[in-house]
Amino acid sequence: MTGSSQESYLIPPQPDPAGLIPLPVGAPVRVAMTKWGDQPHWEFDAVFLGRDEHGEWAGCPAGTRMSRPGAEYVAPVDQVCLVPQPATGSGSDLARSFLATFHAPGGQVSLYVDMTTPALWTGEALTAVDLDLDVVRGTTGRVWIDDEDEFAEHRVTLDYPLRIVALASASCDRVHGLVHAGAAPFDAATPQPWFAVLESLVADGVTDRPSPGGPRAV
């Protein structure tokens, strides 16, 4: 990917300017993350759950396999992911530069928020560039920022443009403040209806919980 196409992620085109992604509930979704420079990162299958005032929601039943070069992860619990809706005006990129994954009870964390370029929907495919920094809420409620060392390394080795560095840092600060305050959409209540939708889709046979067996890393 050239530098100009990388920077196009900052204001990606959307199929619907209102943010109403034309997918039915239960539609399969393929999530394909990359690192800067179009390097492959985590990929996995999910299911479209619907949308609310915060954006679109996708779900991964427990047992979903997620892979990247050199590693594989099997989701131990149900997960629902918020894709923030498109916005307009000043600060719109900042408000969209994350993907938030909520974990059902029993997981290692309760919330994991990746800082990313604004996500792009293309049909049933969801793509974004992972910008290293993460905000995590543990099962005890403790909140912290993760992978700051990776971000510091990659801004040099992957030659992040200055505005990408600024975007990732500002998004991380914003999300960290909201998560620490327990503010929506990062509060405990907001994802609960979407866990219920995922459970209903599993019960109806629209999606299933794959066997959790198999390798965790290679």
N, C-alpha and C. Protein backbone atom coordinates (compact mmCIF):
# COMPACT_ATOMS: atom_id res chain seq x y z
N MET A 1 0.85 -1.18 0.00
CA MET A 1 0.00 0.00 0.00
C MET A 1 0.88 1.23 0.00
N THR A 2 0.59 2.19 -0.82
CA THR A 2 1.38 3.41 -0.89
C THR A 2 1.00 4.33 0.24
N GLY A 3 1.84 5.35 0.47
CA GLY A 3 1.55 6.30 1.53
C GLY A 3 0.23 7.01 1.32
N SER A 4 -0.09 7.38 0.07
CA SER A 4 -1.33 8.10 -0.18
C SER A 4 -2.54 7.25 0.12
N SER A 5 -2.49 5.94 -0.21
CA SER A 5 -3.64 5.09 0.06
C SER A 5 -3.77 4.80 1.54
N GLN A 6 -2.63 4.74 2.25
CA GLN A 6 -2.71 4.58 3.70
C GLN A 6 -3.43 5.75 4.33
N GLU A 7 -3.09 6.96 3.91
CA GLU A 7 -3.69 8.12 4.54
C GLU A 7 -5.16 8.26 4.17
N SER A 8 -5.62 7.58 3.12
CA SER A 8 -7.04 7.64 2.78
C SER A 8 -7.89 7.00 3.86
N TYR A 9 -7.27 6.18 4.73
CA TYR A 9 -8.03 5.59 5.83
C TYR A 9 -8.56 6.65 6.79
N LEU A 10 -7.95 7.83 6.77
CA LEU A 10 -8.37 8.86 7.73
C LEU A 10 -9.81 9.29 7.50
N ILE A 11 -10.24 9.39 6.27
CA ILE A 11 -11.63 9.75 5.99
C ILE A 11 -12.14 8.77 4.93
N PRO A 12 -12.42 7.53 5.32
CA PRO A 12 -12.80 6.51 4.34
C PRO A 12 -14.22 6.72 3.84
N PRO A 13 -14.49 6.32 2.58
CA PRO A 13 -15.87 6.38 2.10
C PRO A 13 -16.72 5.37 2.83
N GLN A 14 -18.01 5.68 2.99
CA GLN A 14 -18.94 4.77 3.63
C GLN A 14 -20.07 4.46 2.66
N PRO A 15 -20.62 3.23 2.68
CA PRO A 15 -21.71 2.89 1.78
C PRO A 15 -22.94 3.76 1.99
N ASP A 16 -23.12 4.27 3.20
CA ASP A 16 -24.29 5.08 3.51
C ASP A 16 -23.82 6.25 4.36
N PRO A 17 -23.99 7.52 3.88
CA PRO A 17 -23.48 8.66 4.63
C PRO A 17 -24.11 8.81 6.00
N ALA A 18 -25.28 8.21 6.22
CA ALA A 18 -25.92 8.28 7.53
C ALA A 18 -25.38 7.23 8.48
N GLY A 19 -24.51 6.36 7.97
CA GLY A 19 -23.94 5.33 8.82
C GLY A 19 -24.80 4.09 8.94
N LEU A 20 -25.88 3.99 8.14
CA LEU A 20 -26.75 2.82 8.22
C LEU A 20 -26.22 1.75 7.28
N ILE A 21 -25.32 0.95 7.78
CA ILE A 21 -24.69 -0.08 6.98
C ILE A 21 -25.77 -1.07 6.53
N PRO A 22 -25.91 -1.29 5.22
CA PRO A 22 -27.02 -2.11 4.71
C PRO A 22 -26.81 -3.60 4.89
N LEU A 23 -26.72 -4.05 6.14
CA LEU A 23 -26.60 -5.47 6.44
C LEU A 23 -27.77 -5.89 7.32
N PRO A 24 -28.35 -7.05 7.06
CA PRO A 24 -29.41 -7.55 7.93
C PRO A 24 -28.82 -8.17 9.20
N VAL A 25 -29.59 -8.17 10.25
CA VAL A 25 -29.17 -8.83 11.48
C VAL A 25 -28.91 -10.30 11.19
N GLY A 26 -27.79 -10.80 11.64
CA GLY A 26 -27.41 -12.19 11.39
C GLY A 26 -26.52 -12.38 10.19
N ALA A 27 -26.26 -11.32 9.42
CA ALA A 27 -25.39 -11.44 8.25
C ALA A 27 -23.96 -11.75 8.70
N PRO A 28 -23.25 -12.59 7.94
CA PRO A 28 -21.85 -12.85 8.29
C PRO A 28 -21.00 -11.61 8.03
N VAL A 29 -20.00 -11.41 8.85
CA VAL A 29 -19.06 -10.30 8.72
C VAL A 29 -17.65 -10.87 8.75
N ARG A 30 -16.82 -10.41 7.85
CA ARG A 30 -15.40 -10.79 7.88
C ARG A 30 -14.60 -9.59 8.33
N VAL A 31 -13.93 -9.72 9.47
CA VAL A 31 -13.12 -8.64 10.01
C VAL A 31 -11.66 -8.91 9.63
N ALA A 32 -11.04 -7.93 8.99
CA ALA A 32 -9.64 -8.07 8.56
C ALA A 32 -8.87 -6.82 8.96
N MET A 33 -8.10 -6.96 10.02
CA MET A 33 -7.27 -5.86 10.49
C MET A 33 -5.90 -5.93 9.82
N THR A 34 -5.28 -4.78 9.65
CA THR A 34 -3.92 -4.73 9.15
C THR A 34 -3.09 -3.84 10.07
N LYS A 35 -1.78 -3.95 9.91
CA LYS A 35 -0.86 -2.98 10.49
C LYS A 35 -0.50 -1.98 9.40
N TRP A 36 0.09 -0.87 9.79
CA TRP A 36 0.45 0.17 8.83
C TRP A 36 1.37 -0.41 7.76
N GLY A 37 1.13 -0.02 6.51
CA GLY A 37 1.88 -0.59 5.41
C GLY A 37 1.21 -1.81 4.82
N ASP A 38 -0.07 -2.01 5.16
CA ASP A 38 -0.87 -3.12 4.64
C ASP A 38 -0.32 -4.48 5.07
N GLN A 39 0.29 -4.53 6.24
CA GLN A 39 0.78 -5.80 6.77
C GLN A 39 -0.38 -6.53 7.44
N PRO A 40 -0.56 -7.81 7.16
CA PRO A 40 -1.69 -8.55 7.72
C PRO A 40 -1.64 -8.61 9.24
N HIS A 41 -2.82 -8.57 9.85
CA HIS A 41 -2.93 -8.63 11.30
C HIS A 41 -4.09 -9.57 11.62
N TRP A 42 -4.82 -9.35 12.69
CA TRP A 42 -5.88 -10.27 13.08
C TRP A 42 -7.02 -10.31 12.07
N GLU A 43 -7.49 -11.53 11.77
CA GLU A 43 -8.67 -11.74 10.93
C GLU A 43 -9.57 -12.76 11.60
N PHE A 44 -10.88 -12.57 11.45
CA PHE A 44 -11.84 -13.51 12.03
C PHE A 44 -13.22 -13.26 11.46
N ASP A 45 -14.09 -14.25 11.65
CA ASP A 45 -15.48 -14.14 11.23
C ASP A 45 -16.34 -13.69 12.40
N ALA A 46 -17.34 -12.88 12.08
CA ALA A 46 -18.28 -12.40 13.09
C ALA A 46 -19.67 -12.40 12.47
N VAL A 47 -20.64 -11.91 13.23
CA VAL A 47 -22.02 -11.85 12.75
C VAL A 47 -22.55 -10.45 13.06
N PHE A 48 -23.30 -9.88 12.13
CA PHE A 48 -23.83 -8.53 12.31
C PHE A 48 -25.01 -8.58 13.27
N LEU A 49 -24.97 -7.73 14.30
CA LEU A 49 -25.99 -7.74 15.33
C LEU A 49 -27.01 -6.61 15.18
N GLY A 50 -26.60 -5.49 14.59
CA GLY A 50 -27.51 -4.36 14.46
C GLY A 50 -26.79 -3.06 14.73
N ARG A 51 -27.55 -2.01 14.98
CA ARG A 51 -26.97 -0.69 15.19
C ARG A 51 -27.76 0.09 16.23
N ASP A 52 -27.10 1.02 16.86
CA ASP A 52 -27.77 1.93 17.78
C ASP A 52 -27.14 3.31 17.62
N GLU A 53 -27.37 4.19 18.57
CA GLU A 53 -26.85 5.55 18.42
C GLU A 53 -25.34 5.62 18.48
N HIS A 54 -24.69 4.56 18.94
CA HIS A 54 -23.24 4.56 19.05
C HIS A 54 -22.55 4.02 17.80
N GLY A 55 -23.25 3.24 16.99
CA GLY A 55 -22.66 2.68 15.80
C GLY A 55 -23.19 1.30 15.49
N GLU A 56 -22.42 0.55 14.72
CA GLU A 56 -22.79 -0.82 14.36
C GLU A 56 -22.15 -1.80 15.33
N TRP A 57 -22.84 -2.93 15.51
CA TRP A 57 -22.37 -3.96 16.44
C TRP A 57 -22.23 -5.29 15.72
N ALA A 58 -21.13 -5.97 15.99
CA ALA A 58 -20.89 -7.32 15.47
C ALA A 58 -20.57 -8.23 16.65
N GLY A 59 -20.83 -9.52 16.48
CA GLY A 59 -20.62 -10.45 17.58
C GLY A 59 -19.78 -11.65 17.18
N CYS A 60 -19.06 -12.18 18.15
CA CYS A 60 -18.27 -13.40 17.98
C CYS A 60 -18.65 -14.36 19.10
N PRO A 61 -19.28 -15.48 18.78
CA PRO A 61 -19.58 -16.47 19.83
C PRO A 61 -18.30 -17.06 20.41
N ALA A 62 -18.38 -17.54 21.63
CA ALA A 62 -17.27 -18.28 22.22
C ALA A 62 -16.86 -19.41 21.27
N GLY A 63 -15.56 -19.61 21.12
CA GLY A 63 -15.05 -20.62 20.21
C GLY A 63 -14.63 -20.08 18.87
N THR A 64 -14.93 -18.80 18.60
CA THR A 64 -14.51 -18.18 17.33
C THR A 64 -12.99 -18.15 17.25
N ARG A 65 -12.47 -18.58 16.10
CA ARG A 65 -11.02 -18.59 15.89
C ARG A 65 -10.59 -17.28 15.23
N MET A 66 -9.56 -16.68 15.81
CA MET A 66 -8.98 -15.45 15.29
C MET A 66 -7.52 -15.73 15.00
N SER A 67 -7.05 -15.28 13.84
CA SER A 67 -5.67 -15.60 13.49
C SER A 67 -4.96 -14.40 12.90
N ARG A 68 -3.67 -14.39 13.10
CA ARG A 68 -2.76 -13.44 12.45
C ARG A 68 -1.48 -14.21 12.15
N PRO A 69 -0.59 -13.67 11.33
CA PRO A 69 0.63 -14.41 11.02
C PRO A 69 1.38 -14.80 12.30
N GLY A 70 1.53 -16.10 12.50
CA GLY A 70 2.28 -16.60 13.63
C GLY A 70 1.49 -16.84 14.89
N ALA A 71 0.19 -16.58 14.88
CA ALA A 71 -0.58 -16.76 16.11
C ALA A 71 -2.03 -17.06 15.80
N GLU A 72 -2.66 -17.77 16.71
CA GLU A 72 -4.09 -18.05 16.62
C GLU A 72 -4.69 -17.95 18.01
N TYR A 73 -5.89 -17.41 18.09
CA TYR A 73 -6.57 -17.23 19.38
C TYR A 73 -7.98 -17.75 19.24
N VAL A 74 -8.46 -18.44 20.26
CA VAL A 74 -9.83 -18.94 20.29
C VAL A 74 -10.58 -18.19 21.37
N ALA A 75 -11.63 -17.49 20.99
CA ALA A 75 -12.38 -16.69 21.96
C ALA A 75 -12.94 -17.58 23.06
N PRO A 76 -12.59 -17.33 24.32
CA PRO A 76 -13.08 -18.19 25.41
C PRO A 76 -14.51 -17.88 25.82
N VAL A 77 -14.98 -16.68 25.50
CA VAL A 77 -16.34 -16.26 25.86
C VAL A 77 -16.94 -15.47 24.69
N ASP A 78 -18.24 -15.25 24.74
CA ASP A 78 -18.88 -14.41 23.73
C ASP A 78 -18.28 -13.00 23.77
N GLN A 79 -18.18 -12.38 22.59
CA GLN A 79 -17.68 -11.02 22.48
C GLN A 79 -18.58 -10.22 21.55
N VAL A 80 -18.80 -8.95 21.87
CA VAL A 80 -19.51 -8.05 20.96
C VAL A 80 -18.62 -6.84 20.72
N CYS A 81 -18.60 -6.40 19.47
CA CYS A 81 -17.69 -5.33 19.05
C CYS A 81 -18.48 -4.13 18.55
N LEU A 82 -18.14 -2.96 19.04
CA LEU A 82 -18.74 -1.70 18.59
C LEU A 82 -17.86 -1.07 17.53
N VAL A 83 -18.46 -0.80 16.37
CA VAL A 83 -17.81 -0.05 15.30
C VAL A 83 -18.44 1.33 15.31
N PRO A 84 -17.74 2.37 15.78
CA PRO A 84 -18.37 3.68 15.93
C PRO A 84 -18.89 4.21 14.61
N GLN A 85 -20.05 4.84 14.67
CA GLN A 85 -20.72 5.28 13.46
C GLN A 85 -20.00 6.47 12.84
N PRO A 86 -20.14 6.64 11.51
CA PRO A 86 -19.56 7.80 10.85
C PRO A 86 -20.11 9.09 11.44
N ALA A 87 -19.27 10.08 11.50
CA ALA A 87 -19.68 11.38 12.01
C ALA A 87 -19.18 12.46 11.06
N THR A 88 -19.71 13.64 11.20
CA THR A 88 -19.29 14.75 10.36
C THR A 88 -18.82 15.89 11.25
N GLY A 89 -18.08 16.81 10.64
CA GLY A 89 -17.64 17.97 11.37
C GLY A 89 -16.28 17.77 12.02
N SER A 90 -15.85 18.80 12.72
CA SER A 90 -14.55 18.78 13.39
C SER A 90 -14.49 17.65 14.41
N GLY A 91 -13.38 16.90 14.37
CA GLY A 91 -13.19 15.82 15.33
C GLY A 91 -13.86 14.52 14.96
N SER A 92 -14.43 14.43 13.75
CA SER A 92 -15.15 13.21 13.39
C SER A 92 -14.23 12.00 13.31
N ASP A 93 -13.01 12.17 12.78
CA ASP A 93 -12.06 11.06 12.74
C ASP A 93 -11.70 10.59 14.14
N LEU A 94 -11.49 11.53 15.04
CA LEU A 94 -11.12 11.20 16.40
C LEU A 94 -12.19 10.35 17.07
N ALA A 95 -13.45 10.68 16.85
CA ALA A 95 -14.55 9.96 17.48
C ALA A 95 -14.74 8.57 16.90
N ARG A 96 -14.07 8.26 15.78
CA ARG A 96 -14.25 6.98 15.12
C ARG A 96 -12.99 6.12 15.12
N SER A 97 -11.95 6.59 15.75
CA SER A 97 -10.66 5.91 15.62
C SER A 97 -10.43 4.87 16.71
N PHE A 98 -11.38 3.95 16.81
CA PHE A 98 -11.24 2.83 17.74
C PHE A 98 -12.21 1.73 17.35
N LEU A 99 -11.95 0.54 17.84
CA LEU A 99 -12.89 -0.58 17.81
C LEU A 99 -12.93 -1.14 19.22
N ALA A 100 -14.12 -1.22 19.79
CA ALA A 100 -14.28 -1.63 21.19
C ALA A 100 -14.88 -3.03 21.26
N THR A 101 -14.20 -3.93 21.93
CA THR A 101 -14.68 -5.30 22.09
C THR A 101 -15.00 -5.58 23.55
N PHE A 102 -16.26 -5.92 23.80
CA PHE A 102 -16.73 -6.25 25.15
C PHE A 102 -16.74 -7.77 25.30
N HIS A 103 -16.26 -8.25 26.44
CA HIS A 103 -16.17 -9.68 26.70
C HIS A 103 -17.20 -10.09 27.75
N ALA A 104 -17.86 -11.20 27.51
CA ALA A 104 -18.81 -11.73 28.48
C ALA A 104 -18.06 -12.17 29.74
N PRO A 105 -18.75 -12.30 30.87
CA PRO A 105 -18.10 -12.77 32.09
C PRO A 105 -17.38 -14.10 31.88
N GLY A 106 -16.22 -14.22 32.52
CA GLY A 106 -15.42 -15.42 32.38
C GLY A 106 -14.20 -15.23 31.51
N GLY A 107 -14.13 -14.09 30.80
CA GLY A 107 -12.97 -13.80 29.98
C GLY A 107 -11.84 -13.20 30.79
N GLN A 108 -10.71 -12.98 30.14
CA GLN A 108 -9.54 -12.44 30.83
C GLN A 108 -9.69 -10.95 31.11
N VAL A 109 -10.48 -10.25 30.30
CA VAL A 109 -10.76 -8.83 30.48
C VAL A 109 -12.25 -8.61 30.25
N SER A 110 -12.74 -7.42 30.61
CA SER A 110 -14.15 -7.12 30.32
C SER A 110 -14.29 -6.23 29.09
N LEU A 111 -13.25 -5.46 28.77
CA LEU A 111 -13.30 -4.54 27.63
C LEU A 111 -11.90 -4.36 27.08
N TYR A 112 -11.80 -4.42 25.74
CA TYR A 112 -10.52 -4.21 25.07
C TYR A 112 -10.79 -3.28 23.89
N VAL A 113 -10.19 -2.10 23.92
CA VAL A 113 -10.43 -1.10 22.88
C VAL A 113 -9.15 -0.88 22.09
N ASP A 114 -9.17 -1.23 20.82
CA ASP A 114 -8.04 -1.01 19.93
C ASP A 114 -8.13 0.38 19.32
N MET A 115 -7.03 1.14 19.33
CA MET A 115 -6.98 2.38 18.57
C MET A 115 -6.68 2.02 17.11
N THR A 116 -7.46 2.56 16.21
CA THR A 116 -7.37 2.20 14.80
C THR A 116 -7.60 3.43 13.94
N THR A 117 -7.34 3.28 12.65
CA THR A 117 -7.89 4.25 11.71
C THR A 117 -9.40 4.03 11.67
N PRO A 118 -10.19 5.03 11.25
CA PRO A 118 -11.63 4.83 11.15
C PRO A 118 -11.96 3.60 10.30
N ALA A 119 -12.82 2.76 10.84
CA ALA A 119 -13.13 1.49 10.17
C ALA A 119 -13.89 1.72 8.87
N LEU A 120 -13.69 0.83 7.94
CA LEU A 120 -14.34 0.90 6.63
C LEU A 120 -15.16 -0.36 6.39
N TRP A 121 -16.44 -0.16 6.11
CA TRP A 121 -17.31 -1.26 5.69
C TRP A 121 -17.31 -1.34 4.17
N THR A 122 -17.09 -2.52 3.64
CA THR A 122 -17.24 -2.78 2.21
C THR A 122 -18.07 -4.05 2.09
N GLY A 123 -19.37 -3.88 1.92
CA GLY A 123 -20.26 -5.02 1.94
C GLY A 123 -20.22 -5.67 3.32
N GLU A 124 -19.89 -6.96 3.36
CA GLU A 124 -19.83 -7.69 4.62
C GLU A 124 -18.42 -7.73 5.21
N ALA A 125 -17.51 -6.94 4.64
CA ALA A 125 -16.13 -6.90 5.13
C ALA A 125 -15.90 -5.63 5.94
N LEU A 126 -15.22 -5.78 7.06
CA LEU A 126 -14.87 -4.66 7.93
C LEU A 126 -13.36 -4.61 8.05
N THR A 127 -12.77 -3.47 7.70
CA THR A 127 -11.32 -3.33 7.75
C THR A 127 -10.94 -2.07 8.50
N ALA A 128 -9.77 -2.10 9.10
CA ALA A 128 -9.18 -0.94 9.77
C ALA A 128 -7.71 -1.23 9.99
N VAL A 129 -6.93 -0.18 10.19
CA VAL A 129 -5.51 -0.33 10.49
C VAL A 129 -5.33 -0.20 12.00
N ASP A 130 -4.76 -1.23 12.61
CA ASP A 130 -4.49 -1.24 14.04
C ASP A 130 -3.30 -0.32 14.34
N LEU A 131 -3.50 0.61 15.26
CA LEU A 131 -2.46 1.59 15.60
C LEU A 131 -1.83 1.32 16.97
N ASP A 132 -1.80 0.07 17.36
CA ASP A 132 -1.02 -0.42 18.50
C ASP A 132 -1.63 -0.12 19.87
N LEU A 133 -1.94 1.12 20.15
CA LEU A 133 -2.40 1.50 21.48
C LEU A 133 -3.74 0.86 21.81
N ASP A 134 -3.89 0.41 23.04
CA ASP A 134 -5.14 -0.21 23.49
C ASP A 134 -5.51 0.34 24.86
N VAL A 135 -6.80 0.45 25.09
CA VAL A 135 -7.31 0.75 26.42
C VAL A 135 -8.04 -0.50 26.91
N VAL A 136 -7.68 -0.96 28.09
CA VAL A 136 -8.19 -2.23 28.60
C VAL A 136 -8.86 -2.00 29.96
N ARG A 137 -10.01 -2.66 30.14
CA ARG A 137 -10.62 -2.71 31.47
C ARG A 137 -10.63 -4.16 31.92
N GLY A 138 -9.95 -4.43 33.02
CA GLY A 138 -9.86 -5.79 33.53
C GLY A 138 -11.13 -6.23 34.23
N THR A 139 -11.14 -7.45 34.66
CA THR A 139 -12.33 -8.01 35.31
C THR A 139 -12.56 -7.42 36.69
N THR A 140 -11.54 -6.77 37.27
CA THR A 140 -11.71 -6.13 38.57
C THR A 140 -12.14 -4.67 38.44
N GLY A 141 -12.20 -4.17 37.20
CA GLY A 141 -12.54 -2.78 36.97
C GLY A 141 -11.35 -1.88 36.74
N ARG A 142 -10.14 -2.40 36.93
CA ARG A 142 -8.95 -1.59 36.69
C ARG A 142 -8.84 -1.26 35.21
N VAL A 143 -8.44 -0.02 34.89
CA VAL A 143 -8.33 0.45 33.51
C VAL A 143 -6.88 0.86 33.25
N TRP A 144 -6.34 0.43 32.11
CA TRP A 144 -4.97 0.80 31.78
C TRP A 144 -4.79 0.91 30.27
N ILE A 145 -3.69 1.55 29.88
CA ILE A 145 -3.29 1.67 28.47
C ILE A 145 -2.22 0.63 28.20
N ASP A 146 -2.39 -0.11 27.12
CA ASP A 146 -1.47 -1.19 26.79
C ASP A 146 -0.74 -0.89 25.49
N ASP A 147 0.41 -1.53 25.32
CA ASP A 147 1.21 -1.52 24.09
C ASP A 147 1.75 -0.14 23.72
N GLU A 148 2.05 0.68 24.72
CA GLU A 148 2.69 1.97 24.43
C GLU A 148 4.09 1.77 23.87
N ASP A 149 4.78 0.71 24.31
CA ASP A 149 6.12 0.43 23.79
C ASP A 149 6.06 0.05 22.32
N GLU A 150 5.04 -0.74 21.94
CA GLU A 150 4.88 -1.13 20.54
C GLU A 150 4.59 0.09 19.68
N PHE A 151 3.76 0.99 20.19
CA PHE A 151 3.44 2.22 19.46
C PHE A 151 4.70 3.06 19.25
N ALA A 152 5.51 3.20 20.29
CA ALA A 152 6.74 3.98 20.18
C ALA A 152 7.69 3.36 19.15
N GLU A 153 7.76 2.04 19.13
CA GLU A 153 8.62 1.36 18.16
C GLU A 153 8.09 1.50 16.74
N HIS A 154 6.79 1.27 16.56
CA HIS A 154 6.23 1.27 15.21
C HIS A 154 6.16 2.65 14.58
N ARG A 155 6.06 3.68 15.39
CA ARG A 155 6.02 5.02 14.79
C ARG A 155 7.33 5.32 14.07
N VAL A 156 8.39 4.58 14.46
CA VAL A 156 9.69 4.72 13.80
C VAL A 156 9.85 3.67 12.71
N THR A 157 9.68 2.38 13.08
CA THR A 157 9.96 1.30 12.13
C THR A 157 8.94 1.22 11.01
N LEU A 158 7.69 1.61 11.28
CA LEU A 158 6.66 1.61 10.24
C LEU A 158 6.42 3.00 9.67
N ASP A 159 7.18 3.97 10.15
CA ASP A 159 7.16 5.33 9.60
C ASP A 159 5.76 5.94 9.61
N TYR A 160 5.14 5.94 10.79
CA TYR A 160 3.82 6.57 10.89
C TYR A 160 3.90 8.05 10.54
N PRO A 161 3.00 8.55 9.70
CA PRO A 161 2.91 10.00 9.50
C PRO A 161 2.57 10.69 10.82
N LEU A 162 2.97 11.94 10.94
CA LEU A 162 2.75 12.67 12.19
C LEU A 162 1.27 12.75 12.54
N ARG A 163 0.42 12.88 11.55
CA ARG A 163 -1.00 13.02 11.88
C ARG A 163 -1.60 11.68 12.34
N ILE A 164 -1.00 10.57 11.92
CA ILE A 164 -1.45 9.27 12.43
C ILE A 164 -1.01 9.11 13.89
N VAL A 165 0.20 9.55 14.20
CA VAL A 165 0.67 9.53 15.59
C VAL A 165 -0.26 10.37 16.46
N ALA A 166 -0.59 11.56 15.96
CA ALA A 166 -1.46 12.45 16.72
C ALA A 166 -2.86 11.87 16.88
N LEU A 167 -3.38 11.25 15.81
CA LEU A 167 -4.71 10.66 15.86
C LEU A 167 -4.77 9.52 16.87
N ALA A 168 -3.81 8.62 16.81
CA ALA A 168 -3.80 7.48 17.73
C ALA A 168 -3.67 7.94 19.18
N SER A 169 -2.78 8.90 19.42
CA SER A 169 -2.57 9.39 20.78
C SER A 169 -3.80 10.08 21.33
N ALA A 170 -4.42 10.93 20.50
CA ALA A 170 -5.61 11.66 20.95
C ALA A 170 -6.78 10.72 21.16
N SER A 171 -6.94 9.74 20.28
CA SER A 171 -8.02 8.77 20.44
C SER A 171 -7.83 7.96 21.71
N CYS A 172 -6.59 7.57 21.99
CA CYS A 172 -6.30 6.79 23.19
C CYS A 172 -6.62 7.61 24.44
N ASP A 173 -6.22 8.87 24.46
CA ASP A 173 -6.51 9.73 25.61
C ASP A 173 -8.01 9.88 25.81
N ARG A 174 -8.73 10.08 24.71
CA ARG A 174 -10.18 10.27 24.78
C ARG A 174 -10.86 9.01 25.31
N VAL A 175 -10.53 7.86 24.72
CA VAL A 175 -11.15 6.60 25.12
C VAL A 175 -10.80 6.26 26.56
N HIS A 176 -9.55 6.45 26.93
CA HIS A 176 -9.13 6.15 28.30
C HIS A 176 -9.95 6.95 29.31
N GLY A 177 -10.17 8.23 29.02
CA GLY A 177 -10.97 9.05 29.92
C GLY A 177 -12.40 8.57 30.04
N LEU A 178 -13.00 8.18 28.91
CA LEU A 178 -14.39 7.71 28.92
C LEU A 178 -14.51 6.37 29.63
N VAL A 179 -13.57 5.47 29.36
CA VAL A 179 -13.62 4.16 30.01
C VAL A 179 -13.42 4.31 31.52
N HIS A 180 -12.47 5.12 31.90
CA HIS A 180 -12.19 5.32 33.33
C HIS A 180 -13.40 5.92 34.04
N ALA A 181 -14.15 6.78 33.33
CA ALA A 181 -15.34 7.40 33.92
C ALA A 181 -16.56 6.50 33.87
N GLY A 182 -16.47 5.38 33.16
CA GLY A 182 -17.62 4.50 33.00
C GLY A 182 -18.70 5.11 32.14
N ALA A 183 -18.29 5.96 31.18
CA ALA A 183 -19.25 6.66 30.32
C ALA A 183 -19.62 5.81 29.12
N ALA A 184 -20.84 6.02 28.62
CA ALA A 184 -21.28 5.34 27.40
C ALA A 184 -20.41 5.78 26.23
N PRO A 185 -20.12 4.91 25.30
CA PRO A 185 -20.64 3.54 25.16
C PRO A 185 -19.82 2.48 25.89
N PHE A 186 -18.91 2.92 26.77
CA PHE A 186 -17.99 1.97 27.40
C PHE A 186 -18.47 1.52 28.78
N ASP A 187 -19.68 1.88 29.14
CA ASP A 187 -20.24 1.46 30.42
C ASP A 187 -20.67 0.00 30.34
N ALA A 188 -21.07 -0.56 31.47
CA ALA A 188 -21.45 -1.97 31.51
C ALA A 188 -22.79 -2.23 30.84
N ALA A 189 -23.69 -1.23 30.84
CA ALA A 189 -25.04 -1.46 30.34
C ALA A 189 -25.14 -1.47 28.82
N THR A 190 -24.37 -0.61 28.14
CA THR A 190 -24.54 -0.43 26.70
C THR A 190 -24.42 -1.73 25.90
N PRO A 191 -23.45 -2.61 26.16
CA PRO A 191 -23.32 -3.81 25.33
C PRO A 191 -24.30 -4.92 25.66
N GLN A 192 -25.01 -4.83 26.79
CA GLN A 192 -25.82 -5.96 27.23
C GLN A 192 -26.90 -6.37 26.23
N PRO A 193 -27.65 -5.43 25.62
CA PRO A 193 -28.63 -5.87 24.62
C PRO A 193 -28.01 -6.61 23.45
N TRP A 194 -26.75 -6.29 23.14
CA TRP A 194 -26.10 -6.92 22.00
C TRP A 194 -25.60 -8.32 22.33
N PHE A 195 -25.23 -8.55 23.58
CA PHE A 195 -24.97 -9.92 24.01
C PHE A 195 -26.24 -10.76 23.90
N ALA A 196 -27.39 -10.15 24.21
CA ALA A 196 -28.66 -10.87 24.12
C ALA A 196 -28.99 -11.19 22.66
N VAL A 197 -28.71 -10.26 21.74
CA VAL A 197 -28.94 -10.52 20.32
C VAL A 197 -28.06 -11.67 19.85
N LEU A 198 -26.79 -11.66 20.24
CA LEU A 198 -25.88 -12.74 19.86
C LEU A 198 -26.37 -14.07 20.40
N GLU A 199 -26.80 -14.09 21.64
CA GLU A 199 -27.32 -15.32 22.24
C GLU A 199 -28.54 -15.82 21.48
N SER A 200 -29.40 -14.90 21.06
CA SER A 200 -30.60 -15.27 20.30
C SER A 200 -30.24 -15.86 18.94
N LEU A 201 -29.24 -15.27 18.27
CA LEU A 201 -28.82 -15.79 16.97
C LEU A 201 -28.23 -17.18 17.10
N VAL A 202 -27.49 -17.42 18.18
CA VAL A 202 -26.96 -18.76 18.42
C VAL A 202 -28.10 -19.74 18.68
N ALA A 203 -29.07 -19.33 19.50
CA ALA A 203 -30.20 -20.20 19.83
C ALA A 203 -31.03 -20.54 18.60
N ASP A 204 -31.13 -19.57 17.67
CA ASP A 204 -31.93 -19.78 16.46
C ASP A 204 -31.16 -20.50 15.36
N GLY A 205 -29.88 -20.78 15.59
CA GLY A 205 -29.08 -21.49 14.61
C GLY A 205 -28.54 -20.62 13.50
N VAL A 206 -28.69 -19.29 13.63
CA VAL A 206 -28.16 -18.38 12.62
C VAL A 206 -26.63 -18.40 12.64
N THR A 207 -26.08 -18.49 13.82
CA THR A 207 -24.64 -18.68 14.00
C THR A 207 -24.46 -19.71 15.10
N ASP A 208 -23.24 -20.16 15.31
CA ASP A 208 -23.04 -21.18 16.34
C ASP A 208 -21.79 -20.88 17.14
N ARG A 209 -21.61 -21.66 18.19
CA ARG A 209 -20.40 -21.56 19.00
C ARG A 209 -19.48 -22.71 18.59
N PRO A 210 -18.42 -22.40 17.84
CA PRO A 210 -17.51 -23.46 17.40
C PRO A 210 -16.87 -24.16 18.59
N SER A 211 -16.37 -25.35 18.32
CA SER A 211 -15.65 -26.08 19.36
C SER A 211 -14.44 -25.28 19.80
N PRO A 212 -14.23 -25.13 21.11
CA PRO A 212 -13.09 -24.34 21.58
C PRO A 212 -11.76 -25.06 21.50
N GLY A 213 -11.75 -26.31 21.06
CA GLY A 213 -10.51 -27.06 21.01
C GLY A 213 -9.59 -26.57 19.92
N GLY A 214 -8.34 -27.03 19.96
CA GLY A 214 -7.40 -26.68 18.92
C GLY A 214 -6.30 -25.77 19.43
N PRO A 215 -5.34 -25.44 18.56
CA PRO A 215 -4.18 -24.66 18.98
C PRO A 215 -4.55 -23.24 19.33
N ARG A 216 -3.83 -22.66 20.29
CA ARG A 216 -4.02 -21.28 20.67
C ARG A 216 -2.97 -20.38 20.04
N ALA A 217 -1.80 -20.90 19.78
CA ALA A 217 -0.76 -20.07 19.16
C ALA A 217 0.19 -20.98 18.41
N VAL A 218 0.80 -20.42 17.38
CA VAL A 218 1.77 -21.18 16.59
C VAL A 218 3.03 -20.34 16.41
